[in-house]
Amino acid sequence: MLNSKTRSTLRAMANGYEPLLTIGKSGVTDNVISEADILLITREMIKCRVLLNCEKSVREIAEAVSGQTNSEIVYVMGKTFVLYRKSDKEGIKHII
């Protein structure tokens, strides 16, 4: 669980990020989860965008992806959300 200070730091860092994962009409699929998992291993924090034609809310999608990738939701704003998971991979410089 992220504390408020860590969440604030991550939120500030995420401002400069471009969305790396786009979730469309199909919603949360196995491909979305596997892609998010790979991105979290290599980058630790990713920004995701939900397209307008998606039937579920952004919060529901963020919680689904977060739950299936064992990551934390940093924030949800508009049609974007940010996920964080500390990587166990060696050679990765940790962001926090």
PDB file of N, CA and C in Angstrom:
ATOM      1  N   MET A   1       0.843  -1.182   0.000  1.00  0.00           N
ATOM      2  CA  MET A   1       0.000   0.000   0.000  1.00  0.00           C
ATOM      3  C   MET A   1       0.887   1.243   0.000  1.00  0.00           C
ATOM      4  N   LEU A   2       0.575   2.162  -0.881  1.00  0.00           N
ATOM      5  CA  LEU A   2       1.341   3.399  -0.990  1.00  0.00           C
ATOM      6  C   LEU A   2       0.867   4.404   0.047  1.00  0.00           C
ATOM      7  N   ASN A   3       1.818   5.065   0.702  1.00  0.00           N
ATOM      8  CA  ASN A   3       1.426   6.134   1.615  1.00  0.00           C
ATOM      9  C   ASN A   3       1.259   7.431   0.817  1.00  0.00           C
ATOM     10  N   SER A   4       0.749   8.461   1.447  1.00  0.00           N
ATOM     11  CA  SER A   4       0.403   9.684   0.720  1.00  0.00           C
ATOM     12  C   SER A   4       1.637  10.402   0.165  1.00  0.00           C
ATOM     13  N   LYS A   5       2.743  10.356   0.872  1.00  0.00           N
ATOM     14  CA  LYS A   5       3.965  11.006   0.401  1.00  0.00           C
ATOM     15  C   LYS A   5       4.489  10.319  -0.860  1.00  0.00           C
ATOM     16  N   THR A   6       4.516   8.981  -0.855  1.00  0.00           N
ATOM     17  CA  THR A   6       4.975   8.225  -2.010  1.00  0.00           C
ATOM     18  C   THR A   6       4.033   8.421  -3.186  1.00  0.00           C
ATOM     19  N   ARG A   7       2.734   8.386  -2.912  1.00  0.00           N
ATOM     20  CA  ARG A   7       1.743   8.590  -3.970  1.00  0.00           C
ATOM     21  C   ARG A   7       1.897   9.979  -4.601  1.00  0.00           C
ATOM     22  N   SER A   8       2.168  10.978  -3.791  1.00  0.00           N
ATOM     23  CA  SER A   8       2.362  12.336  -4.278  1.00  0.00           C
ATOM     24  C   SER A   8       3.601  12.428  -5.165  1.00  0.00           C
ATOM     25  N   THR A   9       4.679  11.770  -4.745  1.00  0.00           N
ATOM     26  CA  THR A   9       5.911  11.761  -5.535  1.00  0.00           C
ATOM     27  C   THR A   9       5.695  11.065  -6.874  1.00  0.00           C
ATOM     28  N   LEU A  10       5.034   9.925  -6.844  1.00  0.00           N
ATOM     29  CA  LEU A  10       4.766   9.185  -8.075  1.00  0.00           C
ATOM     30  C   LEU A  10       3.847   9.971  -9.005  1.00  0.00           C
ATOM     31  N   ARG A  11       2.881  10.639  -8.434  1.00  0.00           N
ATOM     32  CA  ARG A  11       1.946  11.433  -9.233  1.00  0.00           C
ATOM     33  C   ARG A  11       2.675  12.566  -9.956  1.00  0.00           C
ATOM     34  N   ALA A  12       3.610  13.210  -9.257  1.00  0.00           N
ATOM     35  CA  ALA A  12       4.387  14.282  -9.863  1.00  0.00           C
ATOM     36  C   ALA A  12       5.266  13.737 -10.988  1.00  0.00           C
ATOM     37  N   MET A  13       5.855  12.561 -10.787  1.00  0.00           N
ATOM     38  CA  MET A  13       6.695  11.946 -11.817  1.00  0.00           C
ATOM     39  C   MET A  13       5.874  11.563 -13.041  1.00  0.00           C
ATOM     40  N   ALA A  14       4.644  11.121 -12.832  1.00  0.00           N
ATOM     41  CA  ALA A  14       3.799  10.637 -13.928  1.00  0.00           C
ATOM     42  C   ALA A  14       3.320  11.758 -14.844  1.00  0.00           C
ATOM     43  N   ASN A  15       3.412  13.008 -14.406  1.00  0.00           N
ATOM     44  CA  ASN A  15       2.965  14.118 -15.253  1.00  0.00           C
ATOM     45  C   ASN A  15       3.706  14.164 -16.581  1.00  0.00           C
ATOM     46  N   GLY A  16       4.965  13.800 -16.579  1.00  0.00           N
ATOM     47  CA  GLY A  16       5.755  13.836 -17.798  1.00  0.00           C
ATOM     48  C   GLY A  16       5.639  12.600 -18.664  1.00  0.00           C
ATOM     49  N   TYR A  17       4.938  11.597 -18.208  1.00  0.00           N
ATOM     50  CA  TYR A  17       4.805  10.338 -18.940  1.00  0.00           C
ATOM     51  C   TYR A  17       3.731  10.438 -20.018  1.00  0.00           C
ATOM     52  N   GLU A  18       3.957   9.710 -21.097  1.00  0.00           N
ATOM     53  CA  GLU A  18       2.937   9.534 -22.125  1.00  0.00           C
ATOM     54  C   GLU A  18       2.226   8.207 -21.856  1.00  0.00           C
ATOM     55  N   PRO A  19       0.943   8.097 -22.175  1.00  0.00           N
ATOM     56  CA  PRO A  19       0.249   6.816 -21.988  1.00  0.00           C
ATOM     57  C   PRO A  19       0.877   5.724 -22.850  1.00  0.00           C
ATOM     58  N   LEU A  20       1.232   4.614 -22.214  1.00  0.00           N
ATOM     59  CA  LEU A  20       1.854   3.496 -22.910  1.00  0.00           C
ATOM     60  C   LEU A  20       0.872   2.386 -23.236  1.00  0.00           C
ATOM     61  N   LEU A  21      -0.234   2.365 -22.533  1.00  0.00           N
ATOM     62  CA  LEU A  21      -1.212   1.299 -22.700  1.00  0.00           C
ATOM     63  C   LEU A  21      -2.572   1.925 -22.974  1.00  0.00           C
ATOM     64  N   THR A  22      -3.199   1.496 -24.057  1.00  0.00           N
ATOM     65  CA  THR A  22      -4.513   2.007 -24.413  1.00  0.00           C
ATOM     66  C   THR A  22      -5.524   0.874 -24.313  1.00  0.00           C
ATOM     67  N   ILE A  23      -6.607   1.138 -23.592  1.00  0.00           N
ATOM     68  CA  ILE A  23      -7.655   0.141 -23.407  1.00  0.00           C
ATOM     69  C   ILE A  23      -8.871   0.604 -24.182  1.00  0.00           C
ATOM     70  N   GLY A  24      -9.336  -0.245 -25.082  1.00  0.00           N
ATOM     71  CA  GLY A  24     -10.417   0.126 -25.977  1.00  0.00           C
ATOM     72  C   GLY A  24     -11.743  -0.513 -25.641  1.00  0.00           C
ATOM     73  N   LYS A  25     -12.522  -0.727 -26.662  1.00  0.00           N
ATOM     74  CA  LYS A  25     -13.892  -1.214 -26.526  1.00  0.00           C
ATOM     75  C   LYS A  25     -13.957  -2.586 -25.864  1.00  0.00           C
ATOM     76  N   SER A  26     -12.991  -3.440 -26.098  1.00  0.00           N
ATOM     77  CA  SER A  26     -12.979  -4.794 -25.530  1.00  0.00           C
ATOM     78  C   SER A  26     -12.764  -4.797 -24.023  1.00  0.00           C
ATOM     79  N   GLY A  27     -12.247  -3.713 -23.483  1.00  0.00           N
ATOM     80  CA  GLY A  27     -12.024  -3.626 -22.045  1.00  0.00           C
ATOM     81  C   GLY A  27     -10.755  -4.356 -21.630  1.00  0.00           C
ATOM     82  N   VAL A  28     -10.800  -4.959 -20.454  1.00  0.00           N
ATOM     83  CA  VAL A  28      -9.639  -5.632 -19.893  1.00  0.00           C
ATOM     84  C   VAL A  28      -9.591  -7.065 -20.426  1.00  0.00           C
ATOM     85  N   THR A  29      -8.669  -7.300 -21.342  1.00  0.00           N
ATOM     86  CA  THR A  29      -8.495  -8.625 -21.928  1.00  0.00           C
ATOM     87  C   THR A  29      -7.179  -9.223 -21.444  1.00  0.00           C
ATOM     88  N   ASP A  30      -6.935 -10.472 -21.797  1.00  0.00           N
ATOM     89  CA  ASP A  30      -5.677 -11.129 -21.435  1.00  0.00           C
ATOM     90  C   ASP A  30      -4.483 -10.413 -22.047  1.00  0.00           C
ATOM     91  N   ASN A  31      -4.650  -9.904 -23.256  1.00  0.00           N
ATOM     92  CA  ASN A  31      -3.566  -9.166 -23.909  1.00  0.00           C
ATOM     93  C   ASN A  31      -3.239  -7.875 -23.166  1.00  0.00           C
ATOM     94  N   VAL A  32      -4.252  -7.186 -22.682  1.00  0.00           N
ATOM     95  CA  VAL A  32      -4.043  -5.954 -21.925  1.00  0.00           C
ATOM     96  C   VAL A  32      -3.288  -6.262 -20.637  1.00  0.00           C
ATOM     97  N   ILE A  33      -3.680  -7.321 -19.954  1.00  0.00           N
ATOM     98  CA  ILE A  33      -3.032  -7.690 -18.695  1.00  0.00           C
ATOM     99  C   ILE A  33      -1.581  -8.086 -18.931  1.00  0.00           C
ATOM    100  N   SER A  34      -1.323  -8.896 -19.952  1.00  0.00           N
ATOM    101  CA  SER A  34       0.052  -9.321 -20.215  1.00  0.00           C
ATOM    102  C   SER A  34       0.927  -8.142 -20.616  1.00  0.00           C
ATOM    103  N   GLU A  35       0.406  -7.227 -21.418  1.00  0.00           N
ATOM    104  CA  GLU A  35       1.155  -6.039 -21.811  1.00  0.00           C
ATOM    105  C   GLU A  35       1.442  -5.147 -20.606  1.00  0.00           C
ATOM    106  N   ALA A  36       0.446  -4.955 -19.748  1.00  0.00           N
ATOM    107  CA  ALA A  36       0.640  -4.151 -18.538  1.00  0.00           C
ATOM    108  C   ALA A  36       1.683  -4.792 -17.631  1.00  0.00           C
ATOM    109  N   ASP A  37       1.648  -6.104 -17.509  1.00  0.00           N
ATOM    110  CA  ASP A  37       2.605  -6.814 -16.671  1.00  0.00           C
ATOM    111  C   ASP A  37       4.029  -6.637 -17.188  1.00  0.00           C
ATOM    112  N   ILE A  38       4.214  -6.762 -18.496  1.00  0.00           N
ATOM    113  CA  ILE A  38       5.540  -6.575 -19.086  1.00  0.00           C
ATOM    114  C   ILE A  38       6.033  -5.143 -18.879  1.00  0.00           C
ATOM    115  N   LEU A  39       5.158  -4.181 -19.089  1.00  0.00           N
ATOM    116  CA  LEU A  39       5.541  -2.778 -18.901  1.00  0.00           C
ATOM    117  C   LEU A  39       5.886  -2.473 -17.443  1.00  0.00           C
ATOM    118  N   LEU A  40       5.144  -3.049 -16.515  1.00  0.00           N
ATOM    119  CA  LEU A  40       5.425  -2.824 -15.096  1.00  0.00           C
ATOM    120  C   LEU A  40       6.747  -3.449 -14.672  1.00  0.00           C
ATOM    121  N   ILE A  41       7.116  -4.563 -15.269  1.00  0.00           N
ATOM    122  CA  ILE A  41       8.403  -5.189 -14.940  1.00  0.00           C
ATOM    123  C   ILE A  41       9.550  -4.293 -15.382  1.00  0.00           C
ATOM    124  N   THR A  42       9.447  -3.720 -16.556  1.00  0.00           N
ATOM    125  CA  THR A  42      10.556  -2.938 -17.090  1.00  0.00           C
ATOM    126  C   THR A  42      10.550  -1.470 -16.655  1.00  0.00           C
ATOM    127  N   ARG A  43       9.376  -0.907 -16.406  1.00  0.00           N
ATOM    128  CA  ARG A  43       9.302   0.528 -16.106  1.00  0.00           C
ATOM    129  C   ARG A  43       8.840   0.872 -14.698  1.00  0.00           C
ATOM    130  N   GLU A  44       8.219  -0.032 -14.002  1.00  0.00           N
ATOM    131  CA  GLU A  44       7.673   0.119 -12.656  1.00  0.00           C
ATOM    132  C   GLU A  44       6.429   1.005 -12.586  1.00  0.00           C
ATOM    133  N   MET A  45       6.319   2.023 -13.432  1.00  0.00           N
ATOM    134  CA  MET A  45       5.140   2.892 -13.410  1.00  0.00           C
ATOM    135  C   MET A  45       4.696   3.125 -14.850  1.00  0.00           C
ATOM    136  N   ILE A  46       3.395   2.960 -15.100  1.00  0.00           N
ATOM    137  CA  ILE A  46       2.871   3.177 -16.443  1.00  0.00           C
ATOM    138  C   ILE A  46       1.609   4.026 -16.383  1.00  0.00           C
ATOM    139  N   LYS A  47       1.435   4.809 -17.430  1.00  0.00           N
ATOM    140  CA  LYS A  47       0.217   5.594 -17.587  1.00  0.00           C
ATOM    141  C   LYS A  47      -0.634   4.908 -18.639  1.00  0.00           C
ATOM    142  N   CYS A  48      -1.903   4.748 -18.348  1.00  0.00           N
ATOM    143  CA  CYS A  48      -2.823   4.048 -19.240  1.00  0.00           C
ATOM    144  C   CYS A  48      -3.964   4.978 -19.633  1.00  0.00           C
ATOM    145  N   ARG A  49      -4.440   4.801 -20.852  1.00  0.00           N
ATOM    146  CA  ARG A  49      -5.548   5.602 -21.361  1.00  0.00           C
ATOM    147  C   ARG A  49      -6.713   4.675 -21.700  1.00  0.00           C
ATOM    148  N   VAL A  50      -7.921   5.108 -21.371  1.00  0.00           N
ATOM    149  CA  VAL A  50      -9.138   4.368 -21.702  1.00  0.00           C
ATOM    150  C   VAL A  50      -9.868   5.164 -22.778  1.00  0.00           C
ATOM    151  N   LEU A  51     -10.175   4.489 -23.882  1.00  0.00           N
ATOM    152  CA  LEU A  51     -10.863   5.165 -24.978  1.00  0.00           C
ATOM    153  C   LEU A  51     -12.320   5.440 -24.629  1.00  0.00           C
ATOM    154  N   LEU A  52     -12.905   6.394 -25.322  1.00  0.00           N
ATOM    155  CA  LEU A  52     -14.280   6.812 -25.042  1.00  0.00           C
ATOM    156  C   LEU A  52     -15.312   5.722 -25.309  1.00  0.00           C
ATOM    157  N   ASN A  53     -15.015   4.801 -26.219  1.00  0.00           N
ATOM    158  CA  ASN A  53     -15.997   3.778 -26.563  1.00  0.00           C
ATOM    159  C   ASN A  53     -16.002   2.589 -25.604  1.00  0.00           C
ATOM    160  N   CYS A  54     -15.210   2.645 -24.558  1.00  0.00           N
ATOM    161  CA  CYS A  54     -15.185   1.570 -23.567  1.00  0.00           C
ATOM    162  C   CYS A  54     -16.439   1.668 -22.697  1.00  0.00           C
ATOM    163  N   GLU A  55     -17.043   0.519 -22.407  1.00  0.00           N
ATOM    164  CA  GLU A  55     -18.323   0.499 -21.694  1.00  0.00           C
ATOM    165  C   GLU A  55     -18.189   0.692 -20.186  1.00  0.00           C
ATOM    166  N   LYS A  56     -17.058   0.279 -19.603  1.00  0.00           N
ATOM    167  CA  LYS A  56     -16.873   0.395 -18.161  1.00  0.00           C
ATOM    168  C   LYS A  56     -16.238   1.732 -17.810  1.00  0.00           C
ATOM    169  N   SER A  57     -16.347   2.109 -16.537  1.00  0.00           N
ATOM    170  CA  SER A  57     -15.737   3.357 -16.088  1.00  0.00           C
ATOM    171  C   SER A  57     -14.232   3.186 -15.963  1.00  0.00           C
ATOM    172  N   VAL A  58     -13.534   4.300 -15.949  1.00  0.00           N
ATOM    173  CA  VAL A  58     -12.081   4.276 -15.848  1.00  0.00           C
ATOM    174  C   VAL A  58     -11.655   3.677 -14.518  1.00  0.00           C
ATOM    175  N   ARG A  59     -12.354   3.989 -13.452  1.00  0.00           N
ATOM    176  CA  ARG A  59     -12.031   3.452 -12.126  1.00  0.00           C
ATOM    177  C   ARG A  59     -12.172   1.927 -12.106  1.00  0.00           C
ATOM    178  N   GLU A  60     -13.233   1.405 -12.702  1.00  0.00           N
ATOM    179  CA  GLU A  60     -13.433  -0.047 -12.746  1.00  0.00           C
ATOM    180  C   GLU A  60     -12.311  -0.742 -13.526  1.00  0.00           C
ATOM    181  N   ILE A  61     -11.924  -0.149 -14.627  1.00  0.00           N
ATOM    182  CA  ILE A  61     -10.852  -0.724 -15.429  1.00  0.00           C
ATOM    183  C   ILE A  61      -9.527  -0.648 -14.685  1.00  0.00           C
ATOM    184  N   ALA A  62      -9.258   0.481 -14.044  1.00  0.00           N
ATOM    185  CA  ALA A  62      -8.015   0.623 -13.271  1.00  0.00           C
ATOM    186  C   ALA A  62      -7.947  -0.415 -12.159  1.00  0.00           C
ATOM    187  N   GLU A  63      -9.053  -0.635 -11.465  1.00  0.00           N
ATOM    188  CA  GLU A  63      -9.072  -1.626 -10.392  1.00  0.00           C
ATOM    189  C   GLU A  63      -8.893  -3.040 -10.932  1.00  0.00           C
ATOM    190  N   ALA A  64      -9.476  -3.333 -12.087  1.00  0.00           N
ATOM    191  CA  ALA A  64      -9.338  -4.663 -12.692  1.00  0.00           C
ATOM    192  C   ALA A  64      -7.892  -4.931 -13.110  1.00  0.00           C
ATOM    193  N   VAL A  65      -7.286  -3.969 -13.788  1.00  0.00           N
ATOM    194  CA  VAL A  65      -5.898  -4.139 -14.230  1.00  0.00           C
ATOM    195  C   VAL A  65      -4.963  -4.194 -13.020  1.00  0.00           C
ATOM    196  N   SER A  66      -5.203  -3.341 -12.059  1.00  0.00           N
ATOM    197  CA  SER A  66      -4.382  -3.326 -10.856  1.00  0.00           C
ATOM    198  C   SER A  66      -4.466  -4.646 -10.094  1.00  0.00           C
ATOM    199  N   GLY A  67      -5.659  -5.172  -9.966  1.00  0.00           N
ATOM    200  CA  GLY A  67      -5.841  -6.425  -9.252  1.00  0.00           C
ATOM    201  C   GLY A  67      -5.183  -7.604  -9.943  1.00  0.00           C
ATOM    202  N   GLN A  68      -5.245  -7.644 -11.253  1.00  0.00           N
ATOM    203  CA  GLN A  68      -4.686  -8.773 -11.990  1.00  0.00           C
ATOM    204  C   GLN A  68      -3.183  -8.676 -12.194  1.00  0.00           C
ATOM    205  N   THR A  69      -2.598  -7.476 -12.029  1.00  0.00           N
ATOM    206  CA  THR A  69      -1.153  -7.318 -12.173  1.00  0.00           C
ATOM    207  C   THR A  69      -0.460  -7.114 -10.825  1.00  0.00           C
ATOM    208  N   ASN A  70      -1.220  -7.145  -9.742  1.00  0.00           N
ATOM    209  CA  ASN A  70      -0.675  -6.932  -8.390  1.00  0.00           C
ATOM    210  C   ASN A  70       0.058  -5.597  -8.284  1.00  0.00           C
ATOM    211  N   SER A  71      -0.543  -4.569  -8.832  1.00  0.00           N
ATOM    212  CA  SER A  71       0.043  -3.231  -8.795  1.00  0.00           C
ATOM    213  C   SER A  71      -0.856  -2.296  -7.989  1.00  0.00           C
ATOM    214  N   GLU A  72      -0.352  -1.097  -7.764  1.00  0.00           N
ATOM    215  CA  GLU A  72      -1.089  -0.077  -7.014  1.00  0.00           C
ATOM    216  C   GLU A  72      -1.561   1.013  -7.965  1.00  0.00           C
ATOM    217  N   ILE A  73      -2.757   1.517  -7.725  1.00  0.00           N
ATOM    218  CA  ILE A  73      -3.263   2.661  -8.486  1.00  0.00           C
ATOM    219  C   ILE A  73      -2.701   3.923  -7.856  1.00  0.00           C
ATOM    220  N   VAL A  74      -1.964   4.693  -8.655  1.00  0.00           N
ATOM    221  CA  VAL A  74      -1.420   5.957  -8.156  1.00  0.00           C
ATOM    222  C   VAL A  74      -2.507   7.024  -8.210  1.00  0.00           C
ATOM    223  N   TYR A  75      -3.162   7.152  -9.358  1.00  0.00           N
ATOM    224  CA  TYR A  75      -4.304   8.063  -9.468  1.00  0.00           C
ATOM    225  C   TYR A  75      -5.128   7.747 -10.708  1.00  0.00           C
ATOM    226  N   VAL A  76      -6.353   8.226 -10.685  1.00  0.00           N
ATOM    227  CA  VAL A  76      -7.263   8.132 -11.822  1.00  0.00           C
ATOM    228  C   VAL A  76      -7.765   9.545 -12.085  1.00  0.00           C
ATOM    229  N   MET A  77      -7.591  10.009 -13.334  1.00  0.00           N
ATOM    230  CA  MET A  77      -8.064  11.350 -13.672  1.00  0.00           C
ATOM    231  C   MET A  77      -8.559  11.351 -15.106  1.00  0.00           C
ATOM    232  N   GLY A  78      -9.795  11.735 -15.274  1.00  0.00           N
ATOM    233  CA  GLY A  78     -10.369  11.764 -16.611  1.00  0.00           C
ATOM    234  C   GLY A  78     -10.415  10.372 -17.207  1.00  0.00           C
ATOM    235  N   LYS A  79      -9.796  10.205 -18.342  1.00  0.00           N
ATOM    236  CA  LYS A  79      -9.748   8.906 -19.026  1.00  0.00           C
ATOM    237  C   LYS A  79      -8.387   8.229 -18.878  1.00  0.00           C
ATOM    238  N   THR A  80      -7.558   8.704 -17.965  1.00  0.00           N
ATOM    239  CA  THR A  80      -6.247   8.096 -17.753  1.00  0.00           C
ATOM    240  C   THR A  80      -6.086   7.649 -16.305  1.00  0.00           C
ATOM    241  N   PHE A  81      -5.216   6.662 -16.132  1.00  0.00           N
ATOM    242  CA  PHE A  81      -4.842   6.236 -14.789  1.00  0.00           C
ATOM    243  C   PHE A  81      -3.392   5.782 -14.803  1.00  0.00           C
ATOM    244  N   VAL A  82      -2.773   5.783 -13.626  1.00  0.00           N
ATOM    245  CA  VAL A  82      -1.371   5.420 -13.490  1.00  0.00           C
ATOM    246  C   VAL A  82      -1.261   4.274 -12.505  1.00  0.00           C
ATOM    247  N   LEU A  83      -0.452   3.264 -12.878  1.00  0.00           N
ATOM    248  CA  LEU A  83      -0.211   2.104 -12.036  1.00  0.00           C
ATOM    249  C   LEU A  83       1.259   2.039 -11.658  1.00  0.00           C
ATOM    250  N   TYR A  84       1.542   1.523 -10.449  1.00  0.00           N
ATOM    251  CA  TYR A  84       2.915   1.361  -9.976  1.00  0.00           C
ATOM    252  C   TYR A  84       3.079  -0.019  -9.338  1.00  0.00           C
ATOM    253  N   ARG A  85       4.193  -0.648  -9.656  1.00  0.00           N
ATOM    254  CA  ARG A  85       4.578  -1.894  -9.001  1.00  0.00           C
ATOM    255  C   ARG A  85       6.100  -1.953  -8.997  1.00  0.00           C
ATOM    256  N   LYS A  86       6.682  -2.140  -7.819  1.00  0.00           N
ATOM    257  CA  LYS A  86       8.135  -2.228  -7.719  1.00  0.00           C
ATOM    258  C   LYS A  86       8.599  -3.491  -8.428  1.00  0.00           C
ATOM    259  N   SER A  87       9.607  -3.348  -9.275  1.00  0.00           N
ATOM    260  CA  SER A  87      10.104  -4.461 -10.075  1.00  0.00           C
ATOM    261  C   SER A  87      11.114  -5.288  -9.285  1.00  0.00           C
ATOM    262  N   ASP A  88      11.067  -6.593  -9.483  1.00  0.00           N
ATOM    263  CA  ASP A  88      12.030  -7.495  -8.870  1.00  0.00           C
ATOM    264  C   ASP A  88      13.167  -7.841  -9.813  1.00  0.00           C
ATOM    265  N   LYS A  89      13.108  -7.344 -11.028  1.00  0.00           N
ATOM    266  CA  LYS A  89      14.107  -7.656 -12.039  1.00  0.00           C
ATOM    267  C   LYS A  89      15.425  -6.978 -11.694  1.00  0.00           C
ATOM    268  N   GLU A  90      16.523  -7.718 -11.831  1.00  0.00           N
ATOM    269  CA  GLU A  90      17.842  -7.156 -11.559  1.00  0.00           C
ATOM    270  C   GLU A  90      18.259  -6.228 -12.695  1.00  0.00           C
ATOM    271  N   GLY A  91      19.027  -5.214 -12.344  1.00  0.00           N
ATOM    272  CA  GLY A  91      19.509  -4.273 -13.337  1.00  0.00           C
ATOM    273  C   GLY A  91      18.568  -3.104 -13.587  1.00  0.00           C
ATOM    274  N   ILE A  92      17.430  -3.094 -12.944  1.00  0.00           N
ATOM    275  CA  ILE A  92      16.465  -2.000 -13.107  1.00  0.00           C
ATOM    276  C   ILE A  92      16.753  -0.942 -12.032  1.00  0.00           C
ATOM    277  N   LYS A  93      16.841   0.311 -12.442  1.00  0.00           N
ATOM    278  CA  LYS A  93      16.976   1.399 -11.473  1.00  0.00           C
ATOM    279  C   LYS A  93      15.569   1.724 -10.966  1.00  0.00           C
ATOM    280  N   HIS A  94      15.359   1.556  -9.676  1.00  0.00           N
ATOM    281  CA  HIS A  94      14.034   1.788  -9.097  1.00  0.00           C
ATOM    282  C   HIS A  94      13.730   3.278  -9.039  1.00  0.00           C
ATOM    283  N   ILE A  95      12.500   3.628  -9.331  1.00  0.00           N
ATOM    284  CA  ILE A  95      12.138   5.045  -9.392  1.00  0.00           C
ATOM    285  C   ILE A  95      11.914   5.642  -7.999  1.00  0.00           C
ATOM    286  N   ILE A  96      11.559   4.806  -7.040  1.00  0.00           N
ATOM    287  CA  ILE A  96      11.475   5.280  -5.647  1.00  0.00           C
ATOM    288  C   ILE A  96      12.107   4.273  -4.725  1.00  0.00           C
TER     289      ILE A  96
END
